[in-house]
Amino acid sequence: MPGTTGVEFFKSITDTYPDPIRILLTGYTDIEALADAINHGDIYRYITKPWNDLELHNSIKNAYDAYRSKIDLRNKIAELEKTNDELNRFIYSISHELRAPLVSAMGIVNLVKMEGLYESSGEYWSLIETCSNKLDYYIQKTLQYYKNNKTISEHTLVDFHKLLPELIDLYSYADKETSFTVNINQEVPFYGDAFRIEVILGNLISNAIKYQKETEVNKKVNVHVEVRKDLVEISIHDNGMGILNEHLEKIFTQFFKSKVNHGSGLGLFIVKEALNKINGKIAVSSDPAEGTTFKITIPNVK
């Protein structure tokens, strides 16, 4: 550059642009001058003039490899820091969530013993069952969160005709008031991560049941599955209480709870994380008067 040496130029941009790898082509023969260039200009390598073409080519290739390694390392560190932060917040929150129903269950058991109500304690046992179910719910979310982060994707044949009825039976056993309409069009094989697909659909079906209106006499959930050669499209619609517009962008955030949400704040976060693992997508539309619709797409990997 006119009026500026290469070393001076490198010095001036080091603080502003620290990432680029710097190679100095120099006519310097003075060792002290070269040392100054390396120390103050953050030089990766210097090549003396006249240069050798092969040496220059190899230097540029090595510099690029070093640059990619540095960026990859930085990204990995950032990813680890994010995971560690989420894990710490998760453990802190879930420990409190787990402790409360457990203490309640223990207190009820002690009360039954003190009052000698083993024979006529149906109400107490009902409370124990409620607390135990709540504790089991949080434990299941903990396991889903852990497994989603740790489990390597395995692609197997997924039969939605078999999977969906099993999930509906599993999550609706305690609520027989909600009716399901299921429409599955699977004329081609679908290969995907069966574990994560089950986690995703299980959470969405559970929410569709859980957040029905108490006053609704005709509680309904409609599930539609369309399997194509390249992907599967799944929509789950309920006529429940819906989601406020100001909450739609937050519902996939870890531990987010609305005033009517009595869950862990993990279900939809786990859904989003599981979809990210298998390159899936999710969209949601909701109206408190009409209910909520979740639409997901998952690639068919075969």
C-alpha atoms as a PDB file:
ATOM      1  CA  MET A   1       0.000   0.000   0.000  1.00  0.00           C
ATOM      2  CA  PRO A   2       1.342   3.476  -0.827  1.00  0.00           C
ATOM      3  CA  GLY A   3       3.019   5.024   2.208  1.00  0.00           C
ATOM      4  CA  THR A   4       2.329   1.970   4.409  1.00  0.00           C
ATOM      5  CA  THR A   5       4.345  -1.200   4.820  1.00  0.00           C
ATOM      6  CA  GLY A   6       2.696  -4.592   4.983  1.00  0.00           C
ATOM      7  CA  VAL A   7       3.644  -4.913   8.652  1.00  0.00           C
ATOM      8  CA  GLU A   8       2.082  -1.540   9.489  1.00  0.00           C
ATOM      9  CA  PHE A   9      -1.071  -2.533   7.626  1.00  0.00           C
ATOM     10  CA  PHE A  10      -1.344  -5.790   9.559  1.00  0.00           C
ATOM     11  CA  LYS A  11      -0.831  -3.945  12.849  1.00  0.00           C
ATOM     12  CA  SER A  12      -3.650  -1.531  12.043  1.00  0.00           C
ATOM     13  CA  ILE A  13      -6.238  -4.234  11.307  1.00  0.00           C
ATOM     14  CA  THR A  14      -5.328  -6.817  13.959  1.00  0.00           C
ATOM     15  CA  ASP A  15      -7.668  -5.411  16.606  1.00  0.00           C
ATOM     16  CA  THR A  16     -10.532  -4.701  14.210  1.00  0.00           C
ATOM     17  CA  TYR A  17     -10.362  -7.941  12.218  1.00  0.00           C
ATOM     18  CA  PRO A  18      -8.710 -10.603  14.389  1.00  0.00           C
ATOM     19  CA  ASP A  19      -9.975 -13.655  12.464  1.00  0.00           C
ATOM     20  CA  PRO A  20      -8.238 -13.529   9.054  1.00  0.00           C
ATOM     21  CA  ILE A  21      -5.024 -15.529   8.739  1.00  0.00           C
ATOM     22  CA  ARG A  22      -2.130 -13.293   7.717  1.00  0.00           C
ATOM     23  CA  ILE A  23       0.659 -14.325   5.359  1.00  0.00           C
ATOM     24  CA  LEU A  24       3.431 -11.820   4.747  1.00  0.00           C
ATOM     25  CA  LEU A  25       5.301 -11.734   1.445  1.00  0.00           C
ATOM     26  CA  THR A  26       8.387  -9.756   2.305  1.00  0.00           C
ATOM     27  CA  GLY A  27      11.687  -8.587   0.972  1.00  0.00           C
ATOM     28  CA  TYR A  28      13.027  -8.144   4.507  1.00  0.00           C
ATOM     29  CA  THR A  29      16.224 -10.013   5.268  1.00  0.00           C
ATOM     30  CA  ASP A  30      16.695  -8.468   8.707  1.00  0.00           C
ATOM     31  CA  ILE A  31      15.733 -10.986  11.420  1.00  0.00           C
ATOM     32  CA  GLU A  32      14.641  -8.285  13.887  1.00  0.00           C
ATOM     33  CA  ALA A  33      12.325  -6.732  11.318  1.00  0.00           C
ATOM     34  CA  LEU A  34      10.782 -10.135  10.599  1.00  0.00           C
ATOM     35  CA  ALA A  35      10.357 -10.821  14.317  1.00  0.00           C
ATOM     36  CA  ASP A  36       8.629  -7.457  14.715  1.00  0.00           C
ATOM     37  CA  ALA A  37       6.280  -8.307  11.848  1.00  0.00           C
ATOM     38  CA  ILE A  38       5.405 -11.681  13.357  1.00  0.00           C
ATOM     39  CA  ASN A  39       4.914 -10.385  16.917  1.00  0.00           C
ATOM     40  CA  HIS A  40       3.012  -7.178  16.207  1.00  0.00           C
ATOM     41  CA  GLY A  41       1.209  -8.082  13.007  1.00  0.00           C
ATOM     42  CA  ASP A  42       0.041 -11.503  14.213  1.00  0.00           C
ATOM     43  CA  ILE A  43       1.600 -13.140  11.149  1.00  0.00           C
ATOM     44  CA  TYR A  44       0.809 -16.811  10.552  1.00  0.00           C
ATOM     45  CA  ARG A  45       3.689 -17.254   8.113  1.00  0.00           C
ATOM     46  CA  TYR A  46       6.097 -15.152   6.125  1.00  0.00           C
ATOM     47  CA  ILE A  47       7.516 -15.929   2.702  1.00  0.00           C
ATOM     48  CA  THR A  48      10.550 -14.147   1.367  1.00  0.00           C
ATOM     49  CA  LYS A  49      10.704 -12.697  -2.103  1.00  0.00           C
ATOM     50  CA  PRO A  50      11.131 -14.040  -4.674  1.00  0.00           C
ATOM     51  CA  TRP A  51       8.748 -16.755  -3.544  1.00  0.00           C
ATOM     52  CA  ASN A  52       8.459 -20.340  -4.609  1.00  0.00           C
ATOM     53  CA  ASP A  53       5.067 -21.122  -6.169  1.00  0.00           C
ATOM     54  CA  LEU A  54       4.720 -24.473  -4.417  1.00  0.00           C
ATOM     55  CA  GLU A  55       5.668 -22.967  -1.069  1.00  0.00           C
ATOM     56  CA  LEU A  56       3.119 -20.178  -1.550  1.00  0.00           C
ATOM     57  CA  HIS A  57       0.395 -22.637  -2.541  1.00  0.00           C
ATOM     58  CA  ASN A  58       1.051 -24.872   0.480  1.00  0.00           C
ATOM     59  CA  SER A  59       1.172 -21.876   2.812  1.00  0.00           C
ATOM     60  CA  ILE A  60      -2.214 -20.627   1.633  1.00  0.00           C
ATOM     61  CA  LYS A  61      -3.732 -24.114   1.956  1.00  0.00           C
ATOM     62  CA  ASN A  62      -2.336 -24.556   5.460  1.00  0.00           C
ATOM     63  CA  ALA A  63      -3.527 -21.086   6.425  1.00  0.00           C
ATOM     64  CA  TYR A  64      -7.042 -21.906   5.260  1.00  0.00           C
ATOM     65  CA  ASP A  65      -7.023 -25.177   7.236  1.00  0.00           C
ATOM     66  CA  ALA A  66      -5.844 -23.289  10.314  1.00  0.00           C
ATOM     67  CA  TYR A  67      -8.593 -20.707   9.834  1.00  0.00           C
ATOM     68  CA  ARG A  68     -11.310 -23.356   9.518  1.00  0.00           C
ATOM     69  CA  SER A  69     -10.000 -25.167  12.596  1.00  0.00           C
ATOM     70  CA  LYS A  70     -10.084 -21.942  14.599  1.00  0.00           C
ATOM     71  CA  ILE A  71     -13.652 -21.137  13.534  1.00  0.00           C
ATOM     72  CA  ASP A  72     -14.825 -24.712  14.168  1.00  0.00           C
ATOM     73  CA  LEU A  73     -13.250 -24.670  17.611  1.00  0.00           C
ATOM     74  CA  ARG A  74     -14.919 -21.369  18.440  1.00  0.00           C
ATOM     75  CA  ASN A  75     -18.302 -22.701  17.311  1.00  0.00           C
ATOM     76  CA  LYS A  76     -17.860 -25.862  19.365  1.00  0.00           C
ATOM     77  CA  ILE A  77     -16.951 -23.835  22.441  1.00  0.00           C
ATOM     78  CA  ALA A  78     -20.011 -21.613  21.957  1.00  0.00           C
ATOM     79  CA  GLU A  79     -22.201 -24.688  21.511  1.00  0.00           C
ATOM     80  CA  LEU A  80     -20.798 -26.288  24.655  1.00  0.00           C
ATOM     81  CA  GLU A  81     -21.298 -23.090  26.635  1.00  0.00           C
ATOM     82  CA  LYS A  82     -24.913 -22.884  25.441  1.00  0.00           C
ATOM     83  CA  THR A  83     -25.547 -26.532  26.307  1.00  0.00           C
ATOM     84  CA  ASN A  84     -23.915 -26.150  29.698  1.00  0.00           C
ATOM     85  CA  ASP A  85     -25.974 -23.047  30.465  1.00  0.00           C
ATOM     86  CA  GLU A  86     -29.206 -24.757  29.428  1.00  0.00           C
ATOM     87  CA  LEU A  87     -28.303 -27.843  31.437  1.00  0.00           C
ATOM     88  CA  ASN A  88     -27.578 -25.822  34.568  1.00  0.00           C
ATOM     89  CA  ARG A  89     -30.869 -23.946  34.301  1.00  0.00           C
ATOM     90  CA  PHE A  90     -32.670 -27.197  33.539  1.00  0.00           C
ATOM     91  CA  ILE A  91     -31.268 -29.000  36.573  1.00  0.00           C
ATOM     92  CA  TYR A  92     -32.016 -26.055  38.857  1.00  0.00           C
ATOM     93  CA  SER A  93     -35.603 -25.734  37.668  1.00  0.00           C
ATOM     94  CA  ILE A  94     -36.433 -29.423  37.465  1.00  0.00           C
ATOM     95  CA  SER A  95     -35.034 -30.127  40.941  1.00  0.00           C
ATOM     96  CA  HIS A  96     -37.605 -27.739  42.407  1.00  0.00           C
ATOM     97  CA  GLU A  97     -40.388 -29.077  40.198  1.00  0.00           C
ATOM     98  CA  LEU A  98     -39.604 -32.655  41.234  1.00  0.00           C
ATOM     99  CA  ARG A  99     -39.261 -31.843  44.914  1.00  0.00           C
ATOM    100  CA  ALA A 100     -42.686 -30.246  45.409  1.00  0.00           C
ATOM    101  CA  PRO A 101     -44.954 -33.162  44.341  1.00  0.00           C
ATOM    102  CA  LEU A 102     -42.670 -35.658  46.039  1.00  0.00           C
ATOM    103  CA  VAL A 103     -42.911 -33.832  49.378  1.00  0.00           C
ATOM    104  CA  SER A 104     -46.691 -33.596  48.956  1.00  0.00           C
ATOM    105  CA  ALA A 105     -46.973 -37.344  48.362  1.00  0.00           C
ATOM    106  CA  MET A 106     -44.838 -38.119  51.403  1.00  0.00           C
ATOM    107  CA  GLY A 107     -46.892 -35.751  53.557  1.00  0.00           C
ATOM    108  CA  ILE A 108     -50.156 -37.368  52.477  1.00  0.00           C
ATOM    109  CA  VAL A 109     -48.817 -40.841  53.243  1.00  0.00           C
ATOM    110  CA  ASN A 110     -47.793 -39.709  56.720  1.00  0.00           C
ATOM    111  CA  LEU A 111     -51.217 -38.143  57.261  1.00  0.00           C
ATOM    112  CA  VAL A 112     -52.947 -41.407  56.326  1.00  0.00           C
ATOM    113  CA  LYS A 113     -50.769 -43.273  58.803  1.00  0.00           C
ATOM    114  CA  MET A 114     -51.368 -40.791  61.616  1.00  0.00           C
ATOM    115  CA  GLU A 115     -55.138 -40.780  61.189  1.00  0.00           C
ATOM    116  CA  GLY A 116     -55.450 -44.529  60.672  1.00  0.00           C
ATOM    117  CA  LEU A 117     -57.432 -44.102  57.471  1.00  0.00           C
ATOM    118  CA  TYR A 118     -56.095 -47.056  55.545  1.00  0.00           C
ATOM    119  CA  GLU A 119     -59.590 -48.521  55.138  1.00  0.00           C
ATOM    120  CA  SER A 120     -61.446 -45.382  54.080  1.00  0.00           C
ATOM    121  CA  SER A 121     -58.828 -43.194  52.482  1.00  0.00           C
ATOM    122  CA  GLY A 122     -59.918 -43.146  48.857  1.00  0.00           C
ATOM    123  CA  GLU A 123     -59.598 -39.359  48.637  1.00  0.00           C
ATOM    124  CA  TYR A 124     -56.078 -39.439  50.059  1.00  0.00           C
ATOM    125  CA  TRP A 125     -54.960 -42.110  47.629  1.00  0.00           C
ATOM    126  CA  SER A 126     -56.404 -40.051  44.799  1.00  0.00           C
ATOM    127  CA  LEU A 127     -54.243 -37.130  45.889  1.00  0.00           C
ATOM    128  CA  ILE A 128     -51.235 -39.424  46.080  1.00  0.00           C
ATOM    129  CA  GLU A 129     -51.944 -40.651  42.563  1.00  0.00           C
ATOM    130  CA  THR A 130     -52.191 -37.065  41.289  1.00  0.00           C
ATOM    131  CA  CYS A 131     -48.876 -36.113  42.897  1.00  0.00           C
ATOM    132  CA  SER A 132     -47.208 -39.296  41.669  1.00  0.00           C
ATOM    133  CA  ASN A 133     -48.437 -38.732  38.117  1.00  0.00           C
ATOM    134  CA  LYS A 134     -47.114 -35.186  38.201  1.00  0.00           C
ATOM    135  CA  LEU A 135     -43.749 -36.436  39.424  1.00  0.00           C
ATOM    136  CA  ASP A 136     -43.693 -39.089  36.710  1.00  0.00           C
ATOM    137  CA  TYR A 137     -44.495 -36.404  34.114  1.00  0.00           C
ATOM    138  CA  TYR A 138     -41.468 -34.339  35.095  1.00  0.00           C
ATOM    139  CA  ILE A 139     -39.255 -37.406  35.145  1.00  0.00           C
ATOM    140  CA  GLN A 140     -40.403 -38.337  31.635  1.00  0.00           C
ATOM    141  CA  LYS A 141     -39.619 -34.829  30.385  1.00  0.00           C
ATOM    142  CA  THR A 142     -36.197 -35.068  32.002  1.00  0.00           C
ATOM    143  CA  LEU A 143     -35.514 -38.346  30.209  1.00  0.00           C
ATOM    144  CA  GLN A 144     -36.761 -36.969  26.883  1.00  0.00           C
ATOM    145  CA  TYR A 145     -34.558 -33.900  27.208  1.00  0.00           C
ATOM    146  CA  TYR A 146     -31.507 -36.000  28.053  1.00  0.00           C
ATOM    147  CA  LYS A 147     -32.091 -38.637  25.372  1.00  0.00           C
ATOM    148  CA  ASN A 148     -32.766 -36.057  22.674  1.00  0.00           C
ATOM    149  CA  ASN A 149     -29.394 -34.449  23.369  1.00  0.00           C
ATOM    150  CA  LYS A 150     -27.461 -37.703  23.659  1.00  0.00           C
ATOM    151  CA  THR A 151     -29.100 -40.184  21.297  1.00  0.00           C
ATOM    152  CA  ILE A 152     -27.567 -40.591  17.849  1.00  0.00           C
ATOM    153  CA  SER A 153     -30.175 -40.597  15.068  1.00  0.00           C
ATOM    154  CA  GLU A 154     -31.070 -44.036  13.754  1.00  0.00           C
ATOM    155  CA  HIS A 155     -33.258 -44.187  10.671  1.00  0.00           C
ATOM    156  CA  THR A 156     -35.836 -46.962  10.665  1.00  0.00           C
ATOM    157  CA  LEU A 157     -39.129 -47.658   8.938  1.00  0.00           C
ATOM    158  CA  VAL A 158     -41.921 -45.710  10.655  1.00  0.00           C
ATOM    159  CA  ASP A 159     -45.494 -46.984  10.370  1.00  0.00           C
ATOM    160  CA  PHE A 160     -47.807 -44.104  11.306  1.00  0.00           C
ATOM    161  CA  HIS A 161     -50.837 -46.440  11.197  1.00  0.00           C
ATOM    162  CA  LYS A 162     -49.279 -48.242  14.157  1.00  0.00           C
ATOM    163  CA  LEU A 163     -47.503 -45.381  15.940  1.00  0.00           C
ATOM    164  CA  LEU A 164     -50.344 -42.852  16.226  1.00  0.00           C
ATOM    165  CA  PRO A 165     -52.989 -45.136  17.810  1.00  0.00           C
ATOM    166  CA  GLU A 166     -50.412 -46.271  20.370  1.00  0.00           C
ATOM    167  CA  LEU A 167     -49.558 -42.682  21.307  1.00  0.00           C
ATOM    168  CA  ILE A 168     -53.220 -41.655  21.480  1.00  0.00           C
ATOM    169  CA  ASP A 169     -54.019 -44.604  23.768  1.00  0.00           C
ATOM    170  CA  LEU A 170     -51.012 -43.797  25.939  1.00  0.00           C
ATOM    171  CA  TYR A 171     -51.812 -40.130  26.482  1.00  0.00           C
ATOM    172  CA  SER A 172     -55.618 -40.268  26.539  1.00  0.00           C
ATOM    173  CA  TYR A 173     -56.034 -43.071  29.086  1.00  0.00           C
ATOM    174  CA  ALA A 174     -56.724 -40.530  31.869  1.00  0.00           C
ATOM    175  CA  ASP A 175     -59.025 -38.363  29.729  1.00  0.00           C
ATOM    176  CA  LYS A 176     -61.769 -40.252  27.944  1.00  0.00           C
ATOM    177  CA  GLU A 177     -63.708 -37.058  27.162  1.00  0.00           C
ATOM    178  CA  THR A 178     -61.519 -36.025  24.218  1.00  0.00           C
ATOM    179  CA  SER A 179     -62.370 -37.664  20.891  1.00  0.00           C
ATOM    180  CA  PHE A 180     -59.767 -38.192  18.172  1.00  0.00           C
ATOM    181  CA  THR A 181     -60.185 -38.143  14.413  1.00  0.00           C
ATOM    182  CA  VAL A 182     -57.153 -39.592  12.646  1.00  0.00           C
ATOM    183  CA  ASN A 183     -56.538 -39.506   8.897  1.00  0.00           C
ATOM    184  CA  ILE A 184     -53.359 -41.205   7.670  1.00  0.00           C
ATOM    185  CA  ASN A 185     -52.272 -41.370   4.042  1.00  0.00           C
ATOM    186  CA  GLN A 186     -49.142 -43.527   3.913  1.00  0.00           C
ATOM    187  CA  GLU A 187     -48.792 -45.259   0.582  1.00  0.00           C
ATOM    188  CA  VAL A 188     -44.999 -45.002   0.464  1.00  0.00           C
ATOM    189  CA  PRO A 189     -42.461 -46.163   3.066  1.00  0.00           C
ATOM    190  CA  PHE A 190     -41.228 -43.541   5.505  1.00  0.00           C
ATOM    191  CA  TYR A 191     -37.796 -43.758   7.083  1.00  0.00           C
ATOM    192  CA  GLY A 192     -36.803 -41.507   9.939  1.00  0.00           C
ATOM    193  CA  ASP A 193     -35.745 -41.227  13.561  1.00  0.00           C
ATOM    194  CA  ALA A 194     -38.534 -43.215  15.241  1.00  0.00           C
ATOM    195  CA  PHE A 195     -37.496 -42.199  18.766  1.00  0.00           C
ATOM    196  CA  ARG A 196     -37.617 -38.469  18.096  1.00  0.00           C
ATOM    197  CA  ILE A 197     -40.782 -38.697  15.985  1.00  0.00           C
ATOM    198  CA  GLU A 198     -42.459 -40.463  18.906  1.00  0.00           C
ATOM    199  CA  VAL A 199     -41.245 -37.771  21.316  1.00  0.00           C
ATOM    200  CA  ILE A 200     -42.492 -34.992  19.015  1.00  0.00           C
ATOM    201  CA  LEU A 201     -45.940 -36.465  18.400  1.00  0.00           C
ATOM    202  CA  GLY A 202     -46.318 -37.592  22.004  1.00  0.00           C
ATOM    203  CA  ASN A 203     -45.767 -34.086  23.346  1.00  0.00           C
ATOM    204  CA  LEU A 204     -48.113 -32.498  20.802  1.00  0.00           C
ATOM    205  CA  ILE A 205     -50.873 -35.043  21.451  1.00  0.00           C
ATOM    206  CA  SER A 206     -50.430 -34.664  25.209  1.00  0.00           C
ATOM    207  CA  ASN A 207     -50.772 -30.875  24.925  1.00  0.00           C
ATOM    208  CA  ALA A 208     -53.837 -31.167  22.690  1.00  0.00           C
ATOM    209  CA  ILE A 209     -55.532 -33.183  25.436  1.00  0.00           C
ATOM    210  CA  LYS A 210     -54.186 -31.228  28.386  1.00  0.00           C
ATOM    211  CA  TYR A 211     -55.215 -27.764  27.223  1.00  0.00           C
ATOM    212  CA  GLN A 212     -58.828 -28.451  26.358  1.00  0.00           C
ATOM    213  CA  LYS A 213     -61.453 -26.074  27.760  1.00  0.00           C
ATOM    214  CA  GLU A 214     -63.043 -27.442  30.913  1.00  0.00           C
ATOM    215  CA  THR A 215     -66.432 -26.136  29.784  1.00  0.00           C
ATOM    216  CA  GLU A 216     -66.187 -27.674  26.299  1.00  0.00           C
ATOM    217  CA  VAL A 217     -68.653 -30.563  25.950  1.00  0.00           C
ATOM    218  CA  ASN A 218     -67.285 -31.701  22.589  1.00  0.00           C
ATOM    219  CA  LYS A 219     -63.518 -31.898  23.048  1.00  0.00           C
ATOM    220  CA  LYS A 220     -61.874 -32.841  19.758  1.00  0.00           C
ATOM    221  CA  VAL A 221     -58.417 -33.465  18.334  1.00  0.00           C
ATOM    222  CA  ASN A 222     -57.889 -33.972  14.599  1.00  0.00           C
ATOM    223  CA  VAL A 223     -54.677 -35.566  13.332  1.00  0.00           C
ATOM    224  CA  HIS A 224     -53.786 -35.679   9.646  1.00  0.00           C
ATOM    225  CA  VAL A 225     -50.706 -37.432   8.249  1.00  0.00           C
ATOM    226  CA  GLU A 226     -49.583 -37.173   4.628  1.00  0.00           C
ATOM    227  CA  VAL A 227     -46.535 -39.254   3.724  1.00  0.00           C
ATOM    228  CA  ARG A 228     -44.696 -38.403   0.514  1.00  0.00           C
ATOM    229  CA  LYS A 229     -41.488 -39.676  -1.022  1.00  0.00           C
ATOM    230  CA  ASP A 230     -39.493 -36.715   0.252  1.00  0.00           C
ATOM    231  CA  LEU A 231     -41.191 -35.904   3.571  1.00  0.00           C
ATOM    232  CA  VAL A 232     -44.135 -36.355   5.894  1.00  0.00           C
ATOM    233  CA  GLU A 233     -46.557 -33.569   6.749  1.00  0.00           C
ATOM    234  CA  ILE A 234     -48.426 -33.877  10.037  1.00  0.00           C
ATOM    235  CA  SER A 235     -51.041 -31.523  11.438  1.00  0.00           C
ATOM    236  CA  ILE A 236     -52.568 -31.745  14.907  1.00  0.00           C
ATOM    237  CA  HIS A 237     -55.578 -29.516  15.568  1.00  0.00           C
ATOM    238  CA  ASP A 238     -57.525 -29.182  18.806  1.00  0.00           C
ATOM    239  CA  ASN A 239     -60.508 -27.062  19.806  1.00  0.00           C
ATOM    240  CA  GLY A 240     -58.943 -26.209  23.145  1.00  0.00           C
ATOM    241  CA  MET A 241     -58.226 -22.937  24.907  1.00  0.00           C
ATOM    242  CA  GLY A 242     -55.728 -21.715  22.285  1.00  0.00           C
ATOM    243  CA  ILE A 243     -52.587 -19.622  22.648  1.00  0.00           C
ATOM    244  CA  LEU A 244     -52.438 -15.847  22.900  1.00  0.00           C
ATOM    245  CA  ASN A 245     -50.704 -14.097  19.993  1.00  0.00           C
ATOM    246  CA  GLU A 246     -48.085 -12.552  22.270  1.00  0.00           C
ATOM    247  CA  HIS A 247     -47.109 -16.033  23.455  1.00  0.00           C
ATOM    248  CA  LEU A 248     -46.735 -17.714  20.052  1.00  0.00           C
ATOM    249  CA  GLU A 249     -43.088 -16.707  19.623  1.00  0.00           C
ATOM    250  CA  LYS A 250     -42.225 -17.849  23.155  1.00  0.00           C
ATOM    251  CA  ILE A 251     -43.854 -21.265  23.413  1.00  0.00           C
ATOM    252  CA  PHE A 252     -40.772 -23.116  22.126  1.00  0.00           C
ATOM    253  CA  THR A 253     -38.537 -21.418  24.704  1.00  0.00           C
ATOM    254  CA  GLN A 254     -37.181 -23.542  27.515  1.00  0.00           C
ATOM    255  CA  PHE A 255     -39.310 -23.291  30.702  1.00  0.00           C
ATOM    256  CA  PHE A 256     -41.823 -20.884  29.167  1.00  0.00           C
ATOM    257  CA  LYS A 257     -45.178 -21.036  30.941  1.00  0.00           C
ATOM    258  CA  SER A 258     -48.308 -19.009  30.407  1.00  0.00           C
ATOM    259  CA  LYS A 259     -50.746 -18.362  33.237  1.00  0.00           C
ATOM    260  CA  VAL A 260     -52.846 -21.358  32.194  1.00  0.00           C
ATOM    261  CA  ASN A 261     -49.854 -23.646  31.665  1.00  0.00           C
ATOM    262  CA  HIS A 262     -49.366 -25.983  34.597  1.00  0.00           C
ATOM    263  CA  GLY A 263     -46.740 -28.126  32.890  1.00  0.00           C
ATOM    264  CA  SER A 264     -42.966 -28.073  33.072  1.00  0.00           C
ATOM    265  CA  GLY A 265     -42.405 -25.568  30.270  1.00  0.00           C
ATOM    266  CA  LEU A 266     -40.320 -28.237  28.537  1.00  0.00           C
ATOM    267  CA  GLY A 267     -42.709 -30.062  26.197  1.00  0.00           C
ATOM    268  CA  LEU A 268     -42.655 -27.724  23.204  1.00  0.00           C
ATOM    269  CA  PHE A 269     -38.989 -26.885  23.794  1.00  0.00           C
ATOM    270  CA  ILE A 270     -38.204 -30.601  23.490  1.00  0.00           C
ATOM    271  CA  VAL A 271     -40.384 -30.792  20.350  1.00  0.00           C
ATOM    272  CA  LYS A 272     -38.406 -27.976  18.713  1.00  0.00           C
ATOM    273  CA  GLU A 273     -35.036 -29.409  19.749  1.00  0.00           C
ATOM    274  CA  ALA A 274     -35.980 -32.881  18.490  1.00  0.00           C
ATOM    275  CA  LEU A 275     -37.103 -31.433  15.153  1.00  0.00           C
ATOM    276  CA  ASN A 276     -33.814 -29.552  14.841  1.00  0.00           C
ATOM    277  CA  LYS A 277     -31.961 -32.846  15.293  1.00  0.00           C
ATOM    278  CA  ILE A 278     -33.776 -34.425  12.325  1.00  0.00           C
ATOM    279  CA  ASN A 279     -34.003 -31.321  10.094  1.00  0.00           C
ATOM    280  CA  GLY A 280     -37.734 -30.983  10.680  1.00  0.00           C
ATOM    281  CA  LYS A 281     -39.839 -27.831  10.814  1.00  0.00           C
ATOM    282  CA  ILE A 282     -42.828 -26.735  12.867  1.00  0.00           C
ATOM    283  CA  ALA A 283     -45.437 -23.999  12.494  1.00  0.00           C
ATOM    284  CA  VAL A 284     -48.256 -23.050  14.834  1.00  0.00           C
ATOM    285  CA  SER A 285     -51.462 -21.084  14.426  1.00  0.00           C
ATOM    286  CA  SER A 286     -53.903 -20.451  17.229  1.00  0.00           C
ATOM    287  CA  ASP A 287     -57.074 -18.639  18.165  1.00  0.00           C
ATOM    288  CA  PRO A 288     -58.404 -18.748  21.741  1.00  0.00           C
ATOM    289  CA  ALA A 289     -61.892 -19.084  20.275  1.00  0.00           C
ATOM    290  CA  GLU A 290     -61.045 -21.846  17.782  1.00  0.00           C
ATOM    291  CA  GLY A 291     -58.127 -23.807  19.227  1.00  0.00           C
ATOM    292  CA  THR A 292     -54.597 -24.553  18.067  1.00  0.00           C
ATOM    293  CA  THR A 293     -53.014 -26.211  15.034  1.00  0.00           C
ATOM    294  CA  PHE A 294     -49.440 -27.475  14.899  1.00  0.00           C
ATOM    295  CA  LYS A 295     -48.018 -28.414  11.503  1.00  0.00           C
ATOM    296  CA  ILE A 296     -44.734 -30.265  11.222  1.00  0.00           C
ATOM    297  CA  THR A 297     -42.678 -31.552   8.312  1.00  0.00           C
ATOM    298  CA  ILE A 298     -39.981 -34.212   8.626  1.00  0.00           C
ATOM    299  CA  PRO A 299     -37.719 -35.383   5.773  1.00  0.00           C
ATOM    300  CA  ASN A 300     -38.088 -38.928   4.489  1.00  0.00           C
ATOM    301  CA  VAL A 301     -34.466 -40.054   4.564  1.00  0.00           C
ATOM    302  CA  LYS A 302     -34.856 -43.154   2.401  1.00  0.00           C
END
